[in-house]
Amino acid sequence: MKQSVIKETTVQDLRDKLSEEKALLAKLKLNHAVSPIENPLKIKVTRKNVARLNTELRKRELQGK
């Protein structure tokens, strides 16, 4: 997910997407622990998406205060 797309979404959509990405990350980590997944870079990309979403939510929270 690109930063430009993240900036255009609403706060509620960001929260929803964040919960989806966290669930996907947990699933990928579990699957990779059991047996190696085909593309382990998906874990890295998903982790970075979670960080981007958290950063944007925090930025908006601070702007609101």
PDB file of N, CA and C in Angstrom:
ATOM      1  N   MET A   1       0.847  -1.165   0.000  1.00  0.00           N
ATOM      2  CA  MET A   1       0.000   0.000   0.000  1.00  0.00           C
ATOM      3  C   MET A   1       0.896   1.232   0.000  1.00  0.00           C
ATOM      4  N   LYS A   2       0.665   2.114  -0.924  1.00  0.00           N
ATOM      5  CA  LYS A   2       1.505   3.296  -1.065  1.00  0.00           C
ATOM      6  C   LYS A   2       1.079   4.392  -0.092  1.00  0.00           C
ATOM      7  N   GLN A   3       2.036   5.218   0.265  1.00  0.00           N
ATOM      8  CA  GLN A   3       1.791   6.307   1.206  1.00  0.00           C
ATOM      9  C   GLN A   3       0.758   7.286   0.656  1.00  0.00           C
ATOM     10  N   SER A   4       0.777   7.540  -0.642  1.00  0.00           N
ATOM     11  CA  SER A   4      -0.187   8.466  -1.238  1.00  0.00           C
ATOM     12  C   SER A   4      -1.621   7.953  -1.080  1.00  0.00           C
ATOM     13  N   VAL A   5      -1.802   6.656  -1.165  1.00  0.00           N
ATOM     14  CA  VAL A   5      -3.131   6.055  -0.984  1.00  0.00           C
ATOM     15  C   VAL A   5      -3.542   6.151   0.478  1.00  0.00           C
ATOM     16  N   ILE A   6      -2.597   5.926   1.374  1.00  0.00           N
ATOM     17  CA  ILE A   6      -2.889   5.964   2.809  1.00  0.00           C
ATOM     18  C   ILE A   6      -3.321   7.363   3.226  1.00  0.00           C
ATOM     19  N   LYS A   7      -2.680   8.394   2.696  1.00  0.00           N
ATOM     20  CA  LYS A   7      -3.002   9.772   3.069  1.00  0.00           C
ATOM     21  C   LYS A   7      -4.411  10.173   2.655  1.00  0.00           C
ATOM     22  N   GLU A   8      -4.942   9.562   1.613  1.00  0.00           N
ATOM     23  CA  GLU A   8      -6.258   9.926   1.098  1.00  0.00           C
ATOM     24  C   GLU A   8      -7.407   9.221   1.803  1.00  0.00           C
ATOM     25  N   THR A   9      -7.131   8.177   2.569  1.00  0.00           N
ATOM     26  CA  THR A   9      -8.202   7.414   3.194  1.00  0.00           C
ATOM     27  C   THR A   9      -8.634   8.053   4.507  1.00  0.00           C
ATOM     28  N   THR A  10      -9.834   7.696   4.945  1.00  0.00           N
ATOM     29  CA  THR A  10     -10.363   8.232   6.190  1.00  0.00           C
ATOM     30  C   THR A  10      -9.775   7.477   7.375  1.00  0.00           C
ATOM     31  N   VAL A  11      -9.962   8.042   8.549  1.00  0.00           N
ATOM     32  CA  VAL A  11      -9.414   7.443   9.765  1.00  0.00           C
ATOM     33  C   VAL A  11     -10.036   6.076  10.015  1.00  0.00           C
ATOM     34  N   GLN A  12     -11.340   5.962   9.824  1.00  0.00           N
ATOM     35  CA  GLN A  12     -12.007   4.678  10.063  1.00  0.00           C
ATOM     36  C   GLN A  12     -11.506   3.620   9.087  1.00  0.00           C
ATOM     37  N   ASP A  13     -11.324   3.995   7.828  1.00  0.00           N
ATOM     38  CA  ASP A  13     -10.799   3.047   6.847  1.00  0.00           C
ATOM     39  C   ASP A  13      -9.378   2.626   7.209  1.00  0.00           C
ATOM     40  N   LEU A  14      -8.587   3.566   7.730  1.00  0.00           N
ATOM     41  CA  LEU A  14      -7.225   3.238   8.157  1.00  0.00           C
ATOM     42  C   LEU A  14      -7.244   2.224   9.287  1.00  0.00           C
ATOM     43  N   ARG A  15      -8.139   2.418  10.238  1.00  0.00           N
ATOM     44  CA  ARG A  15      -8.240   1.480  11.356  1.00  0.00           C
ATOM     45  C   ARG A  15      -8.665   0.092  10.882  1.00  0.00           C
ATOM     46  N   ASP A  16      -9.613   0.058   9.960  1.00  0.00           N
ATOM     47  CA  ASP A  16     -10.066  -1.226   9.417  1.00  0.00           C
ATOM     48  C   ASP A  16      -8.938  -1.922   8.672  1.00  0.00           C
ATOM     49  N   LYS A  17      -8.241  -1.184   7.844  1.00  0.00           N
ATOM     50  CA  LYS A  17      -7.138  -1.753   7.078  1.00  0.00           C
ATOM     51  C   LYS A  17      -6.015  -2.213   7.998  1.00  0.00           C
ATOM     52  N   LEU A  18      -5.779  -1.455   9.078  1.00  0.00           N
ATOM     53  CA  LEU A  18      -4.747  -1.829  10.040  1.00  0.00           C
ATOM     54  C   LEU A  18      -5.070  -3.166  10.693  1.00  0.00           C
ATOM     55  N   SER A  19      -6.310  -3.352  11.084  1.00  0.00           N
ATOM     56  CA  SER A  19      -6.681  -4.624  11.716  1.00  0.00           C
ATOM     57  C   SER A  19      -6.564  -5.779  10.723  1.00  0.00           C
ATOM     58  N   GLU A  20      -6.912  -5.534   9.458  1.00  0.00           N
ATOM     59  CA  GLU A  20      -6.772  -6.575   8.432  1.00  0.00           C
ATOM     60  C   GLU A  20      -5.298  -6.938   8.225  1.00  0.00           C
ATOM     61  N   GLU A  21      -4.452  -5.921   8.143  1.00  0.00           N
ATOM     62  CA  GLU A  21      -3.023  -6.153   7.912  1.00  0.00           C
ATOM     63  C   GLU A  21      -2.382  -6.874   9.098  1.00  0.00           C
ATOM     64  N   LYS A  22      -2.782  -6.529  10.314  1.00  0.00           N
ATOM     65  CA  LYS A  22      -2.240  -7.206  11.497  1.00  0.00           C
ATOM     66  C   LYS A  22      -2.641  -8.677  11.507  1.00  0.00           C
ATOM     67  N   ALA A  23      -3.888  -8.947  11.137  1.00  0.00           N
ATOM     68  CA  ALA A  23      -4.346 -10.335  11.086  1.00  0.00           C
ATOM     69  C   ALA A  23      -3.590 -11.108  10.005  1.00  0.00           C
ATOM     70  N   LEU A  24      -3.374 -10.483   8.865  1.00  0.00           N
ATOM     71  CA  LEU A  24      -2.628 -11.119   7.790  1.00  0.00           C
ATOM     72  C   LEU A  24      -1.188 -11.388   8.215  1.00  0.00           C
ATOM     73  N   LEU A  25      -0.578 -10.430   8.914  1.00  0.00           N
ATOM     74  CA  LEU A  25       0.793 -10.602   9.381  1.00  0.00           C
ATOM     75  C   LEU A  25       0.898 -11.772  10.355  1.00  0.00           C
ATOM     76  N   ALA A  26      -0.035 -11.871  11.273  1.00  0.00           N
ATOM     77  CA  ALA A  26      -0.025 -12.975  12.230  1.00  0.00           C
ATOM     78  C   ALA A  26      -0.183 -14.315  11.514  1.00  0.00           C
ATOM     79  N   LYS A  27      -1.078 -14.345  10.533  1.00  0.00           N
ATOM     80  CA  LYS A  27      -1.306 -15.574   9.767  1.00  0.00           C
ATOM     81  C   LYS A  27      -0.054 -15.970   8.985  1.00  0.00           C
ATOM     82  N   LEU A  28       0.589 -14.981   8.348  1.00  0.00           N
ATOM     83  CA  LEU A  28       1.800 -15.264   7.580  1.00  0.00           C
ATOM     84  C   LEU A  28       2.922 -15.772   8.474  1.00  0.00           C
ATOM     85  N   LYS A  29       3.079 -15.152   9.640  1.00  0.00           N
ATOM     86  CA  LYS A  29       4.129 -15.581  10.568  1.00  0.00           C
ATOM     87  C   LYS A  29       3.885 -17.008  11.048  1.00  0.00           C
ATOM     88  N   LEU A  30       2.645 -17.316  11.369  1.00  0.00           N
ATOM     89  CA  LEU A  30       2.317 -18.662  11.831  1.00  0.00           C
ATOM     90  C   LEU A  30       2.558 -19.690  10.731  1.00  0.00           C
ATOM     91  N   ASN A  31       2.103 -19.376   9.536  1.00  0.00           N
ATOM     92  CA  ASN A  31       2.307 -20.305   8.422  1.00  0.00           C
ATOM     93  C   ASN A  31       3.788 -20.499   8.124  1.00  0.00           C
ATOM     94  N   HIS A  32       4.559 -19.454   8.243  1.00  0.00           N
ATOM     95  CA  HIS A  32       5.993 -19.546   7.964  1.00  0.00           C
ATOM     96  C   HIS A  32       6.712 -20.338   9.058  1.00  0.00           C
ATOM     97  N   ALA A  33       6.218 -20.265  10.279  1.00  0.00           N
ATOM     98  CA  ALA A  33       6.821 -21.025  11.371  1.00  0.00           C
ATOM     99  C   ALA A  33       6.557 -22.516  11.215  1.00  0.00           C
ATOM    100  N   VAL A  34       5.387 -22.861  10.717  1.00  0.00           N
ATOM    101  CA  VAL A  34       5.022 -24.261  10.540  1.00  0.00           C
ATOM    102  C   VAL A  34       5.769 -24.864   9.355  1.00  0.00           C
ATOM    103  N   SER A  35       5.647 -24.214   8.234  1.00  0.00           N
ATOM    104  CA  SER A  35       6.378 -24.647   7.029  1.00  0.00           C
ATOM    105  C   SER A  35       6.714 -23.398   6.226  1.00  0.00           C
ATOM    106  N   PRO A  36       7.888 -23.338   5.641  1.00  0.00           N
ATOM    107  CA  PRO A  36       8.287 -22.126   4.918  1.00  0.00           C
ATOM    108  C   PRO A  36       7.285 -21.748   3.830  1.00  0.00           C
ATOM    109  N   ILE A  37       6.897 -20.487   3.828  1.00  0.00           N
ATOM    110  CA  ILE A  37       5.967 -20.031   2.802  1.00  0.00           C
ATOM    111  C   ILE A  37       6.724 -19.781   1.512  1.00  0.00           C
ATOM    112  N   GLU A  38       5.974 -19.730   0.425  1.00  0.00           N
ATOM    113  CA  GLU A  38       6.580 -19.608  -0.900  1.00  0.00           C
ATOM    114  C   GLU A  38       7.354 -18.306  -1.062  1.00  0.00           C
ATOM    115  N   ASN A  39       6.787 -17.203  -0.584  1.00  0.00           N
ATOM    116  CA  ASN A  39       7.446 -15.912  -0.730  1.00  0.00           C
ATOM    117  C   ASN A  39       7.545 -15.236   0.644  1.00  0.00           C
ATOM    118  N   PRO A  40       8.652 -15.412   1.348  1.00  0.00           N
ATOM    119  CA  PRO A  40       8.773 -14.829   2.684  1.00  0.00           C
ATOM    120  C   PRO A  40       8.853 -13.301   2.686  1.00  0.00           C
ATOM    121  N   LEU A  41       9.053 -12.687   1.521  1.00  0.00           N
ATOM    122  CA  LEU A  41       9.062 -11.223   1.465  1.00  0.00           C
ATOM    123  C   LEU A  41       7.682 -10.634   1.745  1.00  0.00           C
ATOM    124  N   LYS A  42       6.630 -11.455   1.635  1.00  0.00           N
ATOM    125  CA  LYS A  42       5.283 -10.985   1.972  1.00  0.00           C
ATOM    126  C   LYS A  42       5.218 -10.547   3.436  1.00  0.00           C
ATOM    127  N   ILE A  43       5.961 -11.227   4.304  1.00  0.00           N
ATOM    128  CA  ILE A  43       5.986 -10.864   5.723  1.00  0.00           C
ATOM    129  C   ILE A  43       6.573  -9.474   5.877  1.00  0.00           C
ATOM    130  N   LYS A  44       7.662  -9.214   5.187  1.00  0.00           N
ATOM    131  CA  LYS A  44       8.322  -7.913   5.262  1.00  0.00           C
ATOM    132  C   LYS A  44       7.411  -6.796   4.747  1.00  0.00           C
ATOM    133  N   VAL A  45       6.773  -7.032   3.628  1.00  0.00           N
ATOM    134  CA  VAL A  45       5.892  -6.028   3.032  1.00  0.00           C
ATOM    135  C   VAL A  45       4.705  -5.754   3.948  1.00  0.00           C
ATOM    136  N   THR A  46       4.129  -6.793   4.513  1.00  0.00           N
ATOM    137  CA  THR A  46       2.975  -6.637   5.400  1.00  0.00           C
ATOM    138  C   THR A  46       3.369  -5.884   6.669  1.00  0.00           C
ATOM    139  N   ARG A  47       4.542  -6.208   7.220  1.00  0.00           N
ATOM    140  CA  ARG A  47       5.027  -5.517   8.417  1.00  0.00           C
ATOM    141  C   ARG A  47       5.221  -4.025   8.132  1.00  0.00           C
ATOM    142  N   LYS A  48       5.737  -3.686   6.968  1.00  0.00           N
ATOM    143  CA  LYS A  48       5.930  -2.282   6.605  1.00  0.00           C
ATOM    144  C   LYS A  48       4.595  -1.573   6.394  1.00  0.00           C
ATOM    145  N   ASN A  49       3.614  -2.287   5.859  1.00  0.00           N
ATOM    146  CA  ASN A  49       2.285  -1.699   5.695  1.00  0.00           C
ATOM    147  C   ASN A  49       1.664  -1.374   7.056  1.00  0.00           C
ATOM    148  N   VAL A  50       1.842  -2.273   8.013  1.00  0.00           N
ATOM    149  CA  VAL A  50       1.334  -2.030   9.370  1.00  0.00           C
ATOM    150  C   VAL A  50       2.002  -0.775   9.945  1.00  0.00           C
ATOM    151  N   ALA A  51       3.291  -0.649   9.751  1.00  0.00           N
ATOM    152  CA  ALA A  51       4.010   0.517  10.258  1.00  0.00           C
ATOM    153  C   ALA A  51       3.536   1.793   9.581  1.00  0.00           C
ATOM    154  N   ARG A  52       3.306   1.753   8.282  1.00  0.00           N
ATOM    155  CA  ARG A  52       2.821   2.939   7.562  1.00  0.00           C
ATOM    156  C   ARG A  52       1.454   3.365   8.066  1.00  0.00           C
ATOM    157  N   LEU A  53       0.580   2.393   8.275  1.00  0.00           N
ATOM    158  CA  LEU A  53      -0.769   2.701   8.761  1.00  0.00           C
ATOM    159  C   LEU A  53      -0.711   3.276  10.167  1.00  0.00           C
ATOM    160  N   ASN A  54       0.103   2.681  11.039  1.00  0.00           N
ATOM    161  CA  ASN A  54       0.242   3.197  12.395  1.00  0.00           C
ATOM    162  C   ASN A  54       0.797   4.615  12.397  1.00  0.00           C
ATOM    163  N   THR A  55       1.754   4.873  11.544  1.00  0.00           N
ATOM    164  CA  THR A  55       2.360   6.200  11.458  1.00  0.00           C
ATOM    165  C   THR A  55       1.333   7.240  11.030  1.00  0.00           C
ATOM    166  N   GLU A  56       0.549   6.928  10.022  1.00  0.00           N
ATOM    167  CA  GLU A  56      -0.454   7.878   9.540  1.00  0.00           C
ATOM    168  C   GLU A  56      -1.533   8.119  10.596  1.00  0.00           C
ATOM    169  N   LEU A  57      -1.960   7.061  11.286  1.00  0.00           N
ATOM    170  CA  LEU A  57      -2.963   7.245  12.342  1.00  0.00           C
ATOM    171  C   LEU A  57      -2.415   8.127  13.467  1.00  0.00           C
ATOM    172  N   ARG A  58      -1.186   7.905  13.845  1.00  0.00           N
ATOM    173  CA  ARG A  58      -0.560   8.703  14.915  1.00  0.00           C
ATOM    174  C   ARG A  58      -0.400  10.152  14.488  1.00  0.00           C
ATOM    175  N   LYS A  59      -0.014  10.353  13.240  1.00  0.00           N
ATOM    176  CA  LYS A  59       0.148  11.715  12.716  1.00  0.00           C
ATOM    177  C   LYS A  59      -1.167  12.473  12.756  1.00  0.00           C
ATOM    178  N   ARG A  60      -2.240  11.816  12.353  1.00  0.00           N
ATOM    179  CA  ARG A  60      -3.555  12.459  12.383  1.00  0.00           C
ATOM    180  C   ARG A  60      -4.020  12.717  13.814  1.00  0.00           C
ATOM    181  N   GLU A  61      -3.692  11.793  14.711  1.00  0.00           N
ATOM    182  CA  GLU A  61      -4.047  11.979  16.120  1.00  0.00           C
ATOM    183  C   GLU A  61      -3.359  13.218  16.696  1.00  0.00           C
ATOM    184  N   LEU A  62      -2.097  13.396  16.372  1.00  0.00           N
ATOM    185  CA  LEU A  62      -1.361  14.548  16.876  1.00  0.00           C
ATOM    186  C   LEU A  62      -1.822  15.850  16.245  1.00  0.00           C
ATOM    187  N   GLN A  63      -2.246  15.813  14.984  1.00  0.00           N
ATOM    188  CA  GLN A  63      -2.748  17.013  14.332  1.00  0.00           C
ATOM    189  C   GLN A  63      -4.076  17.448  14.933  1.00  0.00           C
ATOM    190  N   GLY A  64      -4.843  16.506  15.424  1.00  0.00           N
ATOM    191  CA  GLY A  64      -6.141  16.806  16.009  1.00  0.00           C
ATOM    192  C   GLY A  64      -6.046  17.484  17.365  1.00  0.00           C
ATOM    193  N   LYS A  65      -4.916  17.327  18.050  1.00  0.00           N
ATOM    194  CA  LYS A  65      -4.780  17.904  19.395  1.00  0.00           C
ATOM    195  C   LYS A  65      -4.349  19.324  19.349  1.00  0.00           C
TER     196      LYS A  65
END
